[in-house]
Amino acid sequence: PLQAIAQFFKIPVDEILIVLDDFSLPLGRLRIRQSGGPGGHNGLESVIVQFGTEEIARLRVGIGPAPAEGSSDYVLSNFFEEQKPLVRSTIERAAEAVKCAVDKGVVSAMNTFNKIEDE
């Protein structure tokens, strides 16, 4: 588990940034937060339980819109061909957001990447 790795390498929780998919955000949208609940995301809930705190920075990467039902099938399915250019640019922006969070801090990354971009 992530918590065991962090413990082994002596990485404090305030130096961890979790990157996760989020179908409640539109495809291509990024949202960075310093802390908060899992918002229904099982993977994030697992991380919060492991560390015993919601004070974990996270970068949510939009893959929405949310499906009416069958969320696990949706999350595991491939993107449509017409979505792939947006997916590629989103991956690039997410990598830039991680680099910004590491270099300048989570607040700076939030101020830069939480803006809604005109698509």
N, C-alpha and C. Protein backbone atom coordinates (compact mmCIF):
# COMPACT_ATOMS: atom_id res chain seq x y z
N PRO A 1 0.81 -1.20 0.00
CA PRO A 1 0.00 0.00 0.00
C PRO A 1 0.86 1.28 0.00
N LEU A 2 0.25 2.33 -0.44
CA LEU A 2 0.94 3.62 -0.53
C LEU A 2 1.50 4.07 0.81
N GLN A 3 0.75 3.87 1.87
CA GLN A 3 1.19 4.30 3.20
C GLN A 3 2.48 3.59 3.60
N ALA A 4 2.62 2.32 3.29
CA ALA A 4 3.84 1.56 3.61
C ALA A 4 5.04 2.11 2.84
N ILE A 5 4.83 2.47 1.59
CA ILE A 5 5.90 3.05 0.77
C ILE A 5 6.32 4.40 1.35
N ALA A 6 5.35 5.23 1.69
CA ALA A 6 5.65 6.54 2.27
C ALA A 6 6.41 6.38 3.58
N GLN A 7 6.01 5.41 4.37
CA GLN A 7 6.69 5.17 5.64
C GLN A 7 8.13 4.70 5.41
N PHE A 8 8.32 3.76 4.48
CA PHE A 8 9.65 3.22 4.20
C PHE A 8 10.61 4.32 3.75
N PHE A 9 10.13 5.20 2.85
CA PHE A 9 10.98 6.27 2.33
C PHE A 9 10.91 7.55 3.16
N LYS A 10 10.18 7.49 4.29
CA LYS A 10 10.05 8.63 5.20
C LYS A 10 9.51 9.88 4.49
N ILE A 11 8.45 9.67 3.71
CA ILE A 11 7.80 10.77 2.99
C ILE A 11 6.61 11.24 3.82
N PRO A 12 6.64 12.48 4.30
CA PRO A 12 5.50 12.98 5.08
C PRO A 12 4.27 13.16 4.19
N VAL A 13 3.11 13.01 4.80
CA VAL A 13 1.85 13.09 4.05
C VAL A 13 1.68 14.43 3.34
N ASP A 14 2.27 15.50 3.89
CA ASP A 14 2.12 16.81 3.25
C ASP A 14 3.01 16.96 2.01
N GLU A 15 3.79 15.93 1.68
CA GLU A 15 4.59 15.94 0.46
C GLU A 15 4.06 14.94 -0.58
N ILE A 16 2.83 14.47 -0.36
CA ILE A 16 2.21 13.50 -1.27
C ILE A 16 1.13 14.20 -2.07
N LEU A 17 1.08 13.91 -3.36
CA LEU A 17 0.02 14.39 -4.25
C LEU A 17 -0.57 13.18 -4.94
N ILE A 18 -1.83 12.91 -4.68
CA ILE A 18 -2.53 11.78 -5.30
C ILE A 18 -3.13 12.27 -6.62
N VAL A 19 -2.92 11.53 -7.69
CA VAL A 19 -3.51 11.84 -9.00
C VAL A 19 -4.57 10.77 -9.27
N LEU A 20 -5.80 11.20 -9.56
CA LEU A 20 -6.89 10.25 -9.75
C LEU A 20 -7.86 10.71 -10.82
N ASP A 21 -8.55 9.73 -11.40
CA ASP A 21 -9.59 10.04 -12.37
C ASP A 21 -10.85 10.47 -11.62
N ASP A 22 -11.70 11.23 -12.31
CA ASP A 22 -12.93 11.69 -11.69
C ASP A 22 -13.99 11.89 -12.77
N PHE A 23 -14.99 11.00 -12.79
CA PHE A 23 -16.02 11.15 -13.83
C PHE A 23 -17.07 12.18 -13.47
N SER A 24 -16.97 12.80 -12.30
CA SER A 24 -17.88 13.90 -11.99
C SER A 24 -17.38 15.22 -12.57
N LEU A 25 -16.15 15.23 -13.08
CA LEU A 25 -15.60 16.40 -13.78
C LEU A 25 -15.65 16.13 -15.28
N PRO A 26 -15.93 17.16 -16.08
CA PRO A 26 -15.93 16.97 -17.53
C PRO A 26 -14.56 16.51 -18.03
N LEU A 27 -14.57 15.75 -19.09
CA LEU A 27 -13.33 15.28 -19.70
C LEU A 27 -12.40 16.47 -19.95
N GLY A 28 -11.18 16.36 -19.46
CA GLY A 28 -10.19 17.40 -19.68
C GLY A 28 -10.03 18.39 -18.55
N ARG A 29 -10.97 18.43 -17.63
CA ARG A 29 -10.93 19.39 -16.52
C ARG A 29 -10.02 18.88 -15.42
N LEU A 30 -9.22 19.76 -14.84
CA LEU A 30 -8.36 19.43 -13.71
C LEU A 30 -8.85 20.16 -12.47
N ARG A 31 -8.75 19.51 -11.33
CA ARG A 31 -9.09 20.17 -10.07
C ARG A 31 -8.10 19.70 -9.00
N ILE A 32 -7.39 20.65 -8.41
CA ILE A 32 -6.42 20.35 -7.37
C ILE A 32 -6.97 20.86 -6.05
N ARG A 33 -6.85 20.03 -5.01
CA ARG A 33 -7.26 20.43 -3.66
C ARG A 33 -6.19 20.00 -2.67
N GLN A 34 -6.08 20.73 -1.59
CA GLN A 34 -5.10 20.40 -0.55
C GLN A 34 -5.60 19.30 0.37
N SER A 35 -6.92 19.18 0.49
CA SER A 35 -7.49 18.20 1.41
C SER A 35 -8.96 18.03 1.08
N GLY A 36 -9.61 17.13 1.79
CA GLY A 36 -11.04 16.93 1.61
C GLY A 36 -11.39 15.46 1.64
N GLY A 37 -12.67 15.20 1.57
CA GLY A 37 -13.16 13.83 1.59
C GLY A 37 -12.95 13.13 0.27
N PRO A 38 -13.31 11.85 0.21
CA PRO A 38 -13.08 11.07 -1.00
C PRO A 38 -14.05 11.38 -2.14
N GLY A 39 -15.17 12.03 -1.85
CA GLY A 39 -16.11 12.37 -2.90
C GLY A 39 -16.63 11.17 -3.68
N GLY A 40 -16.75 10.03 -3.00
CA GLY A 40 -17.27 8.83 -3.65
C GLY A 40 -16.23 8.04 -4.43
N HIS A 41 -14.98 8.48 -4.41
CA HIS A 41 -13.92 7.78 -5.15
C HIS A 41 -13.30 6.72 -4.23
N ASN A 42 -13.49 5.45 -4.59
CA ASN A 42 -13.03 4.36 -3.73
C ASN A 42 -11.52 4.35 -3.53
N GLY A 43 -10.76 4.64 -4.58
CA GLY A 43 -9.30 4.66 -4.46
C GLY A 43 -8.83 5.73 -3.50
N LEU A 44 -9.41 6.92 -3.61
CA LEU A 44 -9.04 8.02 -2.71
C LEU A 44 -9.48 7.70 -1.28
N GLU A 45 -10.64 7.09 -1.14
CA GLU A 45 -11.10 6.70 0.20
C GLU A 45 -10.10 5.72 0.84
N SER A 46 -9.59 4.79 0.05
CA SER A 46 -8.61 3.84 0.55
C SER A 46 -7.34 4.55 1.03
N VAL A 47 -6.88 5.53 0.26
CA VAL A 47 -5.69 6.30 0.65
C VAL A 47 -5.94 7.06 1.95
N ILE A 48 -7.11 7.68 2.06
CA ILE A 48 -7.46 8.44 3.26
C ILE A 48 -7.50 7.51 4.48
N VAL A 49 -8.07 6.33 4.32
CA VAL A 49 -8.13 5.36 5.42
C VAL A 49 -6.72 4.92 5.80
N GLN A 50 -5.87 4.62 4.81
CA GLN A 50 -4.50 4.18 5.09
C GLN A 50 -3.72 5.22 5.90
N PHE A 51 -3.84 6.48 5.51
CA PHE A 51 -3.08 7.54 6.17
C PHE A 51 -3.79 8.08 7.41
N GLY A 52 -5.08 7.81 7.53
CA GLY A 52 -5.82 8.28 8.69
C GLY A 52 -6.08 9.77 8.69
N THR A 53 -6.07 10.38 7.50
CA THR A 53 -6.32 11.82 7.40
C THR A 53 -6.86 12.17 6.01
N GLU A 54 -7.67 13.23 5.97
CA GLU A 54 -8.14 13.78 4.70
C GLU A 54 -7.22 14.89 4.22
N GLU A 55 -6.19 15.19 4.98
CA GLU A 55 -5.24 16.26 4.66
C GLU A 55 -4.19 15.75 3.67
N ILE A 56 -4.65 15.29 2.53
CA ILE A 56 -3.77 14.78 1.48
C ILE A 56 -4.11 15.53 0.19
N ALA A 57 -3.10 16.14 -0.41
CA ALA A 57 -3.33 16.87 -1.66
C ALA A 57 -3.70 15.89 -2.76
N ARG A 58 -4.57 16.35 -3.67
CA ARG A 58 -4.98 15.49 -4.77
C ARG A 58 -5.22 16.30 -6.02
N LEU A 59 -4.94 15.67 -7.15
CA LEU A 59 -5.22 16.22 -8.47
C LEU A 59 -6.24 15.31 -9.11
N ARG A 60 -7.44 15.83 -9.28
CA ARG A 60 -8.51 15.07 -9.94
C ARG A 60 -8.47 15.41 -11.43
N VAL A 61 -8.51 14.38 -12.25
CA VAL A 61 -8.47 14.53 -13.70
C VAL A 61 -9.82 14.10 -14.25
N GLY A 62 -10.53 15.04 -14.86
CA GLY A 62 -11.87 14.77 -15.35
C GLY A 62 -11.90 13.78 -16.50
N ILE A 63 -12.78 12.78 -16.35
CA ILE A 63 -13.02 11.81 -17.43
C ILE A 63 -14.51 11.73 -17.74
N GLY A 64 -15.29 12.71 -17.24
CA GLY A 64 -16.75 12.69 -17.35
C GLY A 64 -17.24 12.99 -18.75
N PRO A 65 -18.55 12.99 -18.91
CA PRO A 65 -19.56 13.09 -17.88
C PRO A 65 -19.81 11.76 -17.16
N ALA A 66 -20.37 11.88 -15.97
CA ALA A 66 -20.65 10.70 -15.16
C ALA A 66 -21.68 9.82 -15.86
N PRO A 67 -21.44 8.51 -15.87
CA PRO A 67 -22.41 7.61 -16.49
C PRO A 67 -23.66 7.47 -15.61
N ALA A 68 -24.77 7.14 -16.24
CA ALA A 68 -26.01 6.95 -15.49
C ALA A 68 -25.87 5.75 -14.56
N GLU A 69 -25.22 4.70 -15.03
CA GLU A 69 -24.96 3.53 -14.20
C GLU A 69 -23.77 2.77 -14.78
N GLY A 70 -23.25 1.86 -14.01
CA GLY A 70 -22.11 1.08 -14.47
C GLY A 70 -20.81 1.86 -14.48
N SER A 71 -20.52 2.56 -13.37
CA SER A 71 -19.34 3.42 -13.34
C SER A 71 -18.04 2.67 -13.53
N SER A 72 -17.92 1.44 -13.02
CA SER A 72 -16.66 0.71 -13.19
C SER A 72 -16.43 0.37 -14.66
N ASP A 73 -17.49 0.01 -15.38
CA ASP A 73 -17.34 -0.25 -16.82
C ASP A 73 -16.91 1.02 -17.55
N TYR A 74 -17.49 2.14 -17.16
CA TYR A 74 -17.15 3.42 -17.80
C TYR A 74 -15.69 3.78 -17.56
N VAL A 75 -15.24 3.68 -16.32
CA VAL A 75 -13.87 4.05 -15.95
C VAL A 75 -12.86 3.17 -16.66
N LEU A 76 -13.19 1.90 -16.86
CA LEU A 76 -12.25 0.96 -17.48
C LEU A 76 -12.34 0.92 -19.01
N SER A 77 -13.31 1.62 -19.59
CA SER A 77 -13.46 1.59 -21.04
C SER A 77 -12.47 2.53 -21.72
N ASN A 78 -12.25 2.29 -23.01
CA ASN A 78 -11.35 3.15 -23.80
C ASN A 78 -12.06 4.45 -24.16
N PHE A 79 -11.27 5.48 -24.41
CA PHE A 79 -11.83 6.73 -24.89
C PHE A 79 -12.19 6.58 -26.37
N PHE A 80 -13.17 7.37 -26.82
CA PHE A 80 -13.52 7.39 -28.23
C PHE A 80 -12.42 8.11 -29.00
N GLU A 81 -12.30 7.79 -30.27
CA GLU A 81 -11.24 8.37 -31.11
C GLU A 81 -11.28 9.90 -31.09
N GLU A 82 -12.48 10.48 -31.13
CA GLU A 82 -12.59 11.94 -31.16
C GLU A 82 -12.21 12.58 -29.81
N GLN A 83 -12.16 11.79 -28.75
CA GLN A 83 -11.77 12.30 -27.43
C GLN A 83 -10.25 12.29 -27.23
N LYS A 84 -9.54 11.51 -28.02
CA LYS A 84 -8.11 11.28 -27.78
C LYS A 84 -7.24 12.54 -27.82
N PRO A 85 -7.47 13.51 -28.73
CA PRO A 85 -6.66 14.73 -28.67
C PRO A 85 -6.83 15.47 -27.33
N LEU A 86 -8.06 15.55 -26.83
CA LEU A 86 -8.29 16.19 -25.54
C LEU A 86 -7.65 15.39 -24.41
N VAL A 87 -7.71 14.08 -24.50
CA VAL A 87 -7.08 13.23 -23.48
C VAL A 87 -5.57 13.47 -23.45
N ARG A 88 -4.95 13.53 -24.64
CA ARG A 88 -3.50 13.78 -24.70
C ARG A 88 -3.13 15.13 -24.07
N SER A 89 -3.88 16.17 -24.43
CA SER A 89 -3.56 17.49 -23.88
C SER A 89 -3.84 17.54 -22.38
N THR A 90 -4.82 16.79 -21.93
CA THR A 90 -5.12 16.73 -20.49
C THR A 90 -3.99 16.06 -19.73
N ILE A 91 -3.45 14.99 -20.29
CA ILE A 91 -2.31 14.31 -19.65
C ILE A 91 -1.12 15.26 -19.55
N GLU A 92 -0.88 16.02 -20.61
CA GLU A 92 0.22 16.99 -20.59
C GLU A 92 0.00 18.07 -19.53
N ARG A 93 -1.24 18.59 -19.45
CA ARG A 93 -1.55 19.61 -18.44
C ARG A 93 -1.47 19.05 -17.03
N ALA A 94 -1.91 17.80 -16.86
CA ALA A 94 -1.84 17.16 -15.54
C ALA A 94 -0.38 17.01 -15.11
N ALA A 95 0.49 16.63 -16.04
CA ALA A 95 1.92 16.52 -15.73
C ALA A 95 2.49 17.88 -15.35
N GLU A 96 2.08 18.93 -16.06
CA GLU A 96 2.52 20.29 -15.72
C GLU A 96 2.01 20.69 -14.33
N ALA A 97 0.79 20.29 -14.01
CA ALA A 97 0.21 20.61 -12.69
C ALA A 97 0.99 19.92 -11.58
N VAL A 98 1.37 18.67 -11.79
CA VAL A 98 2.17 17.95 -10.79
C VAL A 98 3.51 18.64 -10.61
N LYS A 99 4.16 18.99 -11.72
CA LYS A 99 5.46 19.67 -11.65
C LYS A 99 5.33 21.00 -10.90
N CYS A 100 4.28 21.75 -11.19
CA CYS A 100 4.04 23.03 -10.51
C CYS A 100 3.83 22.80 -9.02
N ALA A 101 3.06 21.79 -8.65
CA ALA A 101 2.81 21.50 -7.24
C ALA A 101 4.11 21.14 -6.52
N VAL A 102 4.97 20.39 -7.19
CA VAL A 102 6.26 20.00 -6.59
C VAL A 102 7.18 21.20 -6.48
N ASP A 103 7.28 21.98 -7.55
CA ASP A 103 8.22 23.11 -7.59
C ASP A 103 7.77 24.34 -6.81
N LYS A 104 6.46 24.65 -6.88
CA LYS A 104 5.96 25.91 -6.33
C LYS A 104 4.93 25.74 -5.22
N GLY A 105 4.49 24.51 -4.98
CA GLY A 105 3.51 24.25 -3.94
C GLY A 105 2.12 24.03 -4.50
N VAL A 106 1.30 23.37 -3.70
CA VAL A 106 -0.06 23.00 -4.11
C VAL A 106 -0.92 24.23 -4.35
N VAL A 107 -0.79 25.26 -3.52
CA VAL A 107 -1.61 26.47 -3.69
C VAL A 107 -1.33 27.12 -5.04
N SER A 108 -0.07 27.22 -5.41
CA SER A 108 0.29 27.79 -6.71
C SER A 108 -0.31 26.95 -7.84
N ALA A 109 -0.22 25.64 -7.71
CA ALA A 109 -0.80 24.76 -8.73
C ALA A 109 -2.31 24.93 -8.80
N MET A 110 -2.96 25.08 -7.65
CA MET A 110 -4.41 25.30 -7.62
C MET A 110 -4.76 26.59 -8.36
N ASN A 111 -4.02 27.65 -8.07
CA ASN A 111 -4.30 28.95 -8.70
C ASN A 111 -4.09 28.91 -10.20
N THR A 112 -3.17 28.10 -10.65
CA THR A 112 -2.86 28.02 -12.08
C THR A 112 -3.77 27.06 -12.83
N PHE A 113 -4.04 25.89 -12.27
CA PHE A 113 -4.69 24.83 -13.03
C PHE A 113 -6.16 24.60 -12.70
N ASN A 114 -6.68 25.22 -11.65
CA ASN A 114 -8.10 25.04 -11.34
C ASN A 114 -9.00 25.95 -12.15
N LYS A 115 -8.40 26.83 -12.95
CA LYS A 115 -9.19 27.72 -13.80
C LYS A 115 -9.92 26.89 -14.87
N ILE A 116 -11.12 27.30 -15.18
CA ILE A 116 -11.86 26.65 -16.27
C ILE A 116 -11.34 27.22 -17.57
N GLU A 117 -10.83 26.31 -18.40
CA GLU A 117 -10.27 26.76 -19.68
C GLU A 117 -11.33 26.69 -20.76
N ASP A 118 -11.27 27.64 -21.67
CA ASP A 118 -12.17 27.61 -22.82
C ASP A 118 -11.70 26.51 -23.76
N GLU A 119 -12.57 25.58 -24.04
CA GLU A 119 -12.20 24.45 -24.91
C GLU A 119 -12.62 24.75 -26.32
